Amino acid sequence: MVISLSGEWDIYRRAELHDRLAPAYYERNVILDLTAAKYVTSTLMGALVALHKHRHAERLKPAVLAVRSAFVRHLLAATGIEMLYPIYETVEEALAPVAARRLPP
């Protein structure tokens, strides 16, 4: 499942962010597409931490992030969130490991 989060993600879109991320709490394979995210704040960072904690508690593998923006990557590094999620430059790169696991032996 790919969940696209484009545009600006701040406190004013908190309810929408919650709704958009809801399926990521239980889906097996999740890619959060942040390649078109232009502005993010602690609202998104907090949501990513909460999602990681929940998936870990449910013994689900971490979601995967697709992040193109140097600004967003910097925030992920500065907050330590980059250590919680595999991060790729594009959705296609993020999909590659999932596709490889589905190939027949």
C-alpha atoms as a PDB file:
ATOM      1  CA  MET A   1       0.000   0.000   0.000  1.00  0.00           C
ATOM      2  CA  VAL A   2       1.297   3.437  -0.944  1.00  0.00           C
ATOM      3  CA  ILE A   3       0.046   6.456   0.985  1.00  0.00           C
ATOM      4  CA  SER A   4       0.912   9.768  -0.644  1.00  0.00           C
ATOM      5  CA  LEU A   5       1.417  12.785   1.587  1.00  0.00           C
ATOM      6  CA  SER A   6       1.993  15.740  -0.698  1.00  0.00           C
ATOM      7  CA  GLY A   7       1.959  19.422   0.089  1.00  0.00           C
ATOM      8  CA  GLU A   8       2.217  20.939   3.555  1.00  0.00           C
ATOM      9  CA  TRP A   9       1.787  18.908   6.747  1.00  0.00           C
ATOM     10  CA  ASP A  10       1.384  21.042   9.825  1.00  0.00           C
ATOM     11  CA  ILE A  11      -0.985  21.311  12.774  1.00  0.00           C
ATOM     12  CA  TYR A  12      -3.799  22.579  10.558  1.00  0.00           C
ATOM     13  CA  ARG A  13      -3.904  19.266   8.684  1.00  0.00           C
ATOM     14  CA  ARG A  14      -3.558  17.040  11.767  1.00  0.00           C
ATOM     15  CA  ALA A  15      -7.005  15.444  11.413  1.00  0.00           C
ATOM     16  CA  GLU A  16      -6.452  14.751   7.710  1.00  0.00           C
ATOM     17  CA  LEU A  17      -3.022  13.279   8.470  1.00  0.00           C
ATOM     18  CA  HIS A  18      -4.558  10.985  11.067  1.00  0.00           C
ATOM     19  CA  ASP A  19      -7.154   9.782   8.553  1.00  0.00           C
ATOM     20  CA  ARG A  20      -4.600   9.309   5.766  1.00  0.00           C
ATOM     21  CA  LEU A  21      -2.253   7.284   8.002  1.00  0.00           C
ATOM     22  CA  ALA A  22      -4.978   5.096   9.558  1.00  0.00           C
ATOM     23  CA  PRO A  23      -4.558   2.190   7.075  1.00  0.00           C
ATOM     24  CA  ALA A  24      -0.784   2.178   7.694  1.00  0.00           C
ATOM     25  CA  TYR A  25      -1.361   0.971  11.237  1.00  0.00           C
ATOM     26  CA  TYR A  26      -2.408  -2.493  10.063  1.00  0.00           C
ATOM     27  CA  GLU A  27      -1.385  -3.051   6.439  1.00  0.00           C
ATOM     28  CA  ARG A  28       1.476  -5.475   5.953  1.00  0.00           C
ATOM     29  CA  ASN A  29       3.538  -3.472   3.446  1.00  0.00           C
ATOM     30  CA  VAL A  30       3.314   0.300   3.634  1.00  0.00           C
ATOM     31  CA  ILE A  31       5.170   2.982   1.729  1.00  0.00           C
ATOM     32  CA  LEU A  32       4.658   6.569   2.791  1.00  0.00           C
ATOM     33  CA  ASP A  33       5.252   8.695  -0.276  1.00  0.00           C
ATOM     34  CA  LEU A  34       6.650  12.028   0.878  1.00  0.00           C
ATOM     35  CA  THR A  35       8.276  12.843  -2.454  1.00  0.00           C
ATOM     36  CA  ALA A  36       5.877  15.747  -3.016  1.00  0.00           C
ATOM     37  CA  ALA A  37       5.831  16.972   0.597  1.00  0.00           C
ATOM     38  CA  LYS A  38       6.859  20.619   0.560  1.00  0.00           C
ATOM     39  CA  TYR A  39       6.649  21.592   4.197  1.00  0.00           C
ATOM     40  CA  VAL A  40       6.494  19.384   7.264  1.00  0.00           C
ATOM     41  CA  THR A  41       6.487  20.132  10.970  1.00  0.00           C
ATOM     42  CA  SER A  42       6.546  18.265  14.240  1.00  0.00           C
ATOM     43  CA  THR A  43       2.954  17.228  13.469  1.00  0.00           C
ATOM     44  CA  LEU A  44       4.172  14.832  10.797  1.00  0.00           C
ATOM     45  CA  MET A  45       7.270  13.843  12.771  1.00  0.00           C
ATOM     46  CA  GLY A  46       5.114  12.922  15.772  1.00  0.00           C
ATOM     47  CA  ALA A  47       2.750  10.940  13.552  1.00  0.00           C
ATOM     48  CA  LEU A  48       5.697   8.986  12.126  1.00  0.00           C
ATOM     49  CA  VAL A  49       6.948   8.134  15.614  1.00  0.00           C
ATOM     50  CA  ALA A  50       3.466   7.031  16.725  1.00  0.00           C
ATOM     51  CA  LEU A  51       3.077   4.894  13.608  1.00  0.00           C
ATOM     52  CA  HIS A  52       6.446   3.256  14.169  1.00  0.00           C
ATOM     53  CA  LYS A  53       5.656   2.478  17.814  1.00  0.00           C
ATOM     54  CA  HIS A  54       2.312   0.940  16.902  1.00  0.00           C
ATOM     55  CA  ARG A  55       3.705  -1.194  14.079  1.00  0.00           C
ATOM     56  CA  HIS A  56       6.515  -2.367  16.348  1.00  0.00           C
ATOM     57  CA  ALA A  57       4.060  -3.302  19.120  1.00  0.00           C
ATOM     58  CA  GLU A  58       1.956  -5.219  16.583  1.00  0.00           C
ATOM     59  CA  ARG A  59       5.098  -6.952  15.255  1.00  0.00           C
ATOM     60  CA  LEU A  60       4.675  -5.461  11.814  1.00  0.00           C
ATOM     61  CA  LYS A  61       7.761  -4.468   9.891  1.00  0.00           C
ATOM     62  CA  PRO A  62       8.397  -0.731   9.662  1.00  0.00           C
ATOM     63  CA  ALA A  63       6.708   1.262   6.972  1.00  0.00           C
ATOM     64  CA  VAL A  64       9.039   2.590   4.284  1.00  0.00           C
ATOM     65  CA  LEU A  65       9.485   6.257   3.385  1.00  0.00           C
ATOM     66  CA  ALA A  66      10.049   7.732  -0.057  1.00  0.00           C
ATOM     67  CA  VAL A  67      11.571  11.187   0.457  1.00  0.00           C
ATOM     68  CA  ARG A  68      13.089  13.433  -2.179  1.00  0.00           C
ATOM     69  CA  SER A  69      13.325  16.750  -0.307  1.00  0.00           C
ATOM     70  CA  ALA A  70      16.650  17.586   1.345  1.00  0.00           C
ATOM     71  CA  PHE A  71      14.699  19.621   3.923  1.00  0.00           C
ATOM     72  CA  VAL A  72      12.493  16.676   4.897  1.00  0.00           C
ATOM     73  CA  ARG A  73      15.499  14.319   4.976  1.00  0.00           C
ATOM     74  CA  HIS A  74      17.295  16.776   7.255  1.00  0.00           C
ATOM     75  CA  LEU A  75      14.329  16.820   9.656  1.00  0.00           C
ATOM     76  CA  LEU A  76      14.202  13.027   9.677  1.00  0.00           C
ATOM     77  CA  ALA A  77      17.910  12.932  10.526  1.00  0.00           C
ATOM     78  CA  ALA A  78      17.735  15.706  13.130  1.00  0.00           C
ATOM     79  CA  THR A  79      14.874  14.012  14.966  1.00  0.00           C
ATOM     80  CA  GLY A  80      16.326  10.496  14.743  1.00  0.00           C
ATOM     81  CA  ILE A  81      13.335   9.277  12.760  1.00  0.00           C
ATOM     82  CA  GLU A  82      15.644   8.185   9.941  1.00  0.00           C
ATOM     83  CA  MET A  83      16.775   5.353  12.243  1.00  0.00           C
ATOM     84  CA  LEU A  84      13.192   4.057  12.526  1.00  0.00           C
ATOM     85  CA  TYR A  85      12.356   3.783   8.825  1.00  0.00           C
ATOM     86  CA  PRO A  86      14.020   2.581   5.654  1.00  0.00           C
ATOM     87  CA  ILE A  87      14.204   5.655   3.408  1.00  0.00           C
ATOM     88  CA  TYR A  88      14.376   5.718  -0.373  1.00  0.00           C
ATOM     89  CA  GLU A  89      14.550   8.544  -2.893  1.00  0.00           C
ATOM     90  CA  THR A  90      11.522   7.382  -4.927  1.00  0.00           C
ATOM     91  CA  VAL A  91       8.457   5.195  -4.548  1.00  0.00           C
ATOM     92  CA  GLU A  92       9.829   2.913  -7.272  1.00  0.00           C
ATOM     93  CA  GLU A  93      13.010   2.322  -5.245  1.00  0.00           C
ATOM     94  CA  ALA A  94      10.914   1.696  -2.137  1.00  0.00           C
ATOM     95  CA  LEU A  95       8.800  -0.860  -4.002  1.00  0.00           C
ATOM     96  CA  ALA A  96      11.790  -2.843  -5.292  1.00  0.00           C
ATOM     97  CA  PRO A  97      12.470  -4.858  -2.091  1.00  0.00           C
ATOM     98  CA  VAL A  98       8.771  -5.754  -1.792  1.00  0.00           C
ATOM     99  CA  ALA A  99       8.639  -6.875  -5.415  1.00  0.00           C
ATOM    100  CA  ALA A 100      11.807  -8.933  -4.984  1.00  0.00           C
ATOM    101  CA  ARG A 101      10.271 -10.853  -2.080  1.00  0.00           C
ATOM    102  CA  ARG A 102       7.284 -11.797  -4.273  1.00  0.00           C
ATOM    103  CA  LEU A 103       9.344 -13.392  -7.042  1.00  0.00           C
ATOM    104  CA  PRO A 104       9.031 -17.168  -7.188  1.00  0.00           C
ATOM    105  CA  PRO A 105      12.113 -19.120  -6.014  1.00  0.00           C
END
